[in-house]
């Protein structure tokens, strides 16, 4: 179930609500009790990039080791420090 963001056009109150996709949008503001709520567009969605073509440091794989002794390596042959100025 997604989390939807709402804003009241009367008092400006903003909040998020965990709702089913098939649920009707909320209409009554919990602060001012007026029926002036609007569902915000584009809230509650996270983007996850999977597959080739992304930096090796973006997501930790199943076989990745961690800790101070972990060897950093990448499929492109670098040390795994994409985005650092020392590369």
C-alpha atoms as a PDB file:
ATOM      1  CA  UNK A   1       0.000   0.000   0.000  1.00  0.00           C
ATOM      2  CA  UNK A   2       1.378   3.415  -0.921  1.00  0.00           C
ATOM      3  CA  UNK A   3       1.783   6.486   1.237  1.00  0.00           C
ATOM      4  CA  UNK A   4      -0.009   9.542  -0.121  1.00  0.00           C
ATOM      5  CA  UNK A   5       0.815  13.147   0.703  1.00  0.00           C
ATOM      6  CA  UNK A   6      -1.993  15.598   1.383  1.00  0.00           C
ATOM      7  CA  UNK A   7      -2.170  19.368   1.759  1.00  0.00           C
ATOM      8  CA  UNK A   8      -5.082  21.504   2.965  1.00  0.00           C
ATOM      9  CA  UNK A   9      -5.815  24.438   0.671  1.00  0.00           C
ATOM     10  CA  UNK A  10      -7.492  26.308   3.542  1.00  0.00           C
ATOM     11  CA  UNK A  11      -4.995  26.119   6.433  1.00  0.00           C
ATOM     12  CA  UNK A  12      -1.892  24.742   4.659  1.00  0.00           C
ATOM     13  CA  UNK A  13      -1.582  21.648   6.879  1.00  0.00           C
ATOM     14  CA  UNK A  14       0.510  18.913   5.210  1.00  0.00           C
ATOM     15  CA  UNK A  15       0.648  15.223   6.163  1.00  0.00           C
ATOM     16  CA  UNK A  16       1.062  11.732   4.749  1.00  0.00           C
ATOM     17  CA  UNK A  17      -1.443   8.882   4.920  1.00  0.00           C
ATOM     18  CA  UNK A  18      -0.875   5.167   4.343  1.00  0.00           C
ATOM     19  CA  UNK A  19      -3.789   4.065   2.131  1.00  0.00           C
ATOM     20  CA  UNK A  20      -4.841   1.331  -0.233  1.00  0.00           C
ATOM     21  CA  UNK A  21      -4.620   2.174  -3.942  1.00  0.00           C
ATOM     22  CA  UNK A  22      -8.360   1.566  -4.274  1.00  0.00           C
ATOM     23  CA  UNK A  23      -9.238   3.846  -1.314  1.00  0.00           C
ATOM     24  CA  UNK A  24     -10.904   7.163  -2.054  1.00  0.00           C
ATOM     25  CA  UNK A  25      -8.760  10.261  -1.437  1.00  0.00           C
ATOM     26  CA  UNK A  26      -9.258  11.963   1.928  1.00  0.00           C
ATOM     27  CA  UNK A  27     -11.328  15.149   1.843  1.00  0.00           C
ATOM     28  CA  UNK A  28     -11.506  16.506   5.415  1.00  0.00           C
ATOM     29  CA  UNK A  29      -8.486  18.229   6.951  1.00  0.00           C
ATOM     30  CA  UNK A  30      -7.648  16.838  10.418  1.00  0.00           C
ATOM     31  CA  UNK A  31      -6.577  20.325  11.597  1.00  0.00           C
ATOM     32  CA  UNK A  32      -9.251  22.779  10.424  1.00  0.00           C
ATOM     33  CA  UNK A  33     -11.978  20.134   9.770  1.00  0.00           C
ATOM     34  CA  UNK A  34     -12.873  21.653   6.385  1.00  0.00           C
ATOM     35  CA  UNK A  35     -13.277  19.605   3.215  1.00  0.00           C
ATOM     36  CA  UNK A  36     -10.374  21.287   1.426  1.00  0.00           C
ATOM     37  CA  UNK A  37      -7.751  18.511   1.223  1.00  0.00           C
ATOM     38  CA  UNK A  38      -5.872  17.858  -2.003  1.00  0.00           C
ATOM     39  CA  UNK A  39      -3.712  14.816  -2.698  1.00  0.00           C
ATOM     40  CA  UNK A  40      -0.178  15.870  -3.611  1.00  0.00           C
ATOM     41  CA  UNK A  41       1.274  14.580  -6.853  1.00  0.00           C
ATOM     42  CA  UNK A  42       4.519  12.620  -6.879  1.00  0.00           C
ATOM     43  CA  UNK A  43       4.903  11.768  -3.197  1.00  0.00           C
ATOM     44  CA  UNK A  44       5.639   8.380  -1.716  1.00  0.00           C
ATOM     45  CA  UNK A  45       7.518   6.849  -4.626  1.00  0.00           C
ATOM     46  CA  UNK A  46      11.137   5.793  -4.435  1.00  0.00           C
ATOM     47  CA  UNK A  47      13.177   4.901  -7.483  1.00  0.00           C
ATOM     48  CA  UNK A  48      15.514   1.908  -7.457  1.00  0.00           C
ATOM     49  CA  UNK A  49      17.838   1.387 -10.408  1.00  0.00           C
ATOM     50  CA  UNK A  50      18.709  -2.250 -11.096  1.00  0.00           C
ATOM     51  CA  UNK A  51      20.773  -3.826 -13.825  1.00  0.00           C
ATOM     52  CA  UNK A  52      23.975  -2.870 -15.573  1.00  0.00           C
ATOM     53  CA  UNK A  53      25.164   0.654 -16.186  1.00  0.00           C
ATOM     54  CA  UNK A  54      25.046   1.972 -12.636  1.00  0.00           C
ATOM     55  CA  UNK A  55      27.846   2.595 -10.161  1.00  0.00           C
ATOM     56  CA  UNK A  56      28.914  -0.450  -8.176  1.00  0.00           C
ATOM     57  CA  UNK A  57      28.615   1.531  -4.941  1.00  0.00           C
ATOM     58  CA  UNK A  58      24.939   2.364  -5.434  1.00  0.00           C
ATOM     59  CA  UNK A  59      23.593  -0.888  -3.974  1.00  0.00           C
ATOM     60  CA  UNK A  60      25.206  -3.520  -1.877  1.00  0.00           C
ATOM     61  CA  UNK A  61      24.972  -6.897  -3.584  1.00  0.00           C
ATOM     62  CA  UNK A  62      24.206 -10.244  -1.943  1.00  0.00           C
ATOM     63  CA  UNK A  63      27.866 -11.283  -1.896  1.00  0.00           C
ATOM     64  CA  UNK A  64      29.285  -7.922  -0.858  1.00  0.00           C
ATOM     65  CA  UNK A  65      31.411  -7.859   2.249  1.00  0.00           C
ATOM     66  CA  UNK A  66      31.438  -4.997   4.682  1.00  0.00           C
ATOM     67  CA  UNK A  67      33.601  -3.577   7.395  1.00  0.00           C
ATOM     68  CA  UNK A  68      37.003  -1.889   7.450  1.00  0.00           C
ATOM     69  CA  UNK A  69      38.807  -4.824   5.773  1.00  0.00           C
ATOM     70  CA  UNK A  70      36.386  -5.163   2.878  1.00  0.00           C
ATOM     71  CA  UNK A  71      38.104  -4.966  -0.492  1.00  0.00           C
ATOM     72  CA  UNK A  72      36.491  -2.433  -2.793  1.00  0.00           C
ATOM     73  CA  UNK A  73      36.444  -3.409  -6.431  1.00  0.00           C
ATOM     74  CA  UNK A  74      34.247  -2.677  -9.386  1.00  0.00           C
ATOM     75  CA  UNK A  75      33.387  -4.273 -12.714  1.00  0.00           C
ATOM     76  CA  UNK A  76      34.900  -1.238 -14.470  1.00  0.00           C
ATOM     77  CA  UNK A  77      38.289  -1.938 -12.854  1.00  0.00           C
ATOM     78  CA  UNK A  78      38.343   0.998 -10.472  1.00  0.00           C
ATOM     79  CA  UNK A  79      38.684   0.879  -6.704  1.00  0.00           C
ATOM     80  CA  UNK A  80      34.930   1.345  -6.230  1.00  0.00           C
ATOM     81  CA  UNK A  81      35.158   5.032  -5.357  1.00  0.00           C
ATOM     82  CA  UNK A  82      32.900   6.501  -8.016  1.00  0.00           C
ATOM     83  CA  UNK A  83      32.249  10.149  -7.439  1.00  0.00           C
ATOM     84  CA  UNK A  84      35.317  10.741  -5.290  1.00  0.00           C
ATOM     85  CA  UNK A  85      37.791  13.418  -6.304  1.00  0.00           C
ATOM     86  CA  UNK A  86      40.805  11.166  -5.756  1.00  0.00           C
ATOM     87  CA  UNK A  87      40.000   8.854  -8.679  1.00  0.00           C
END
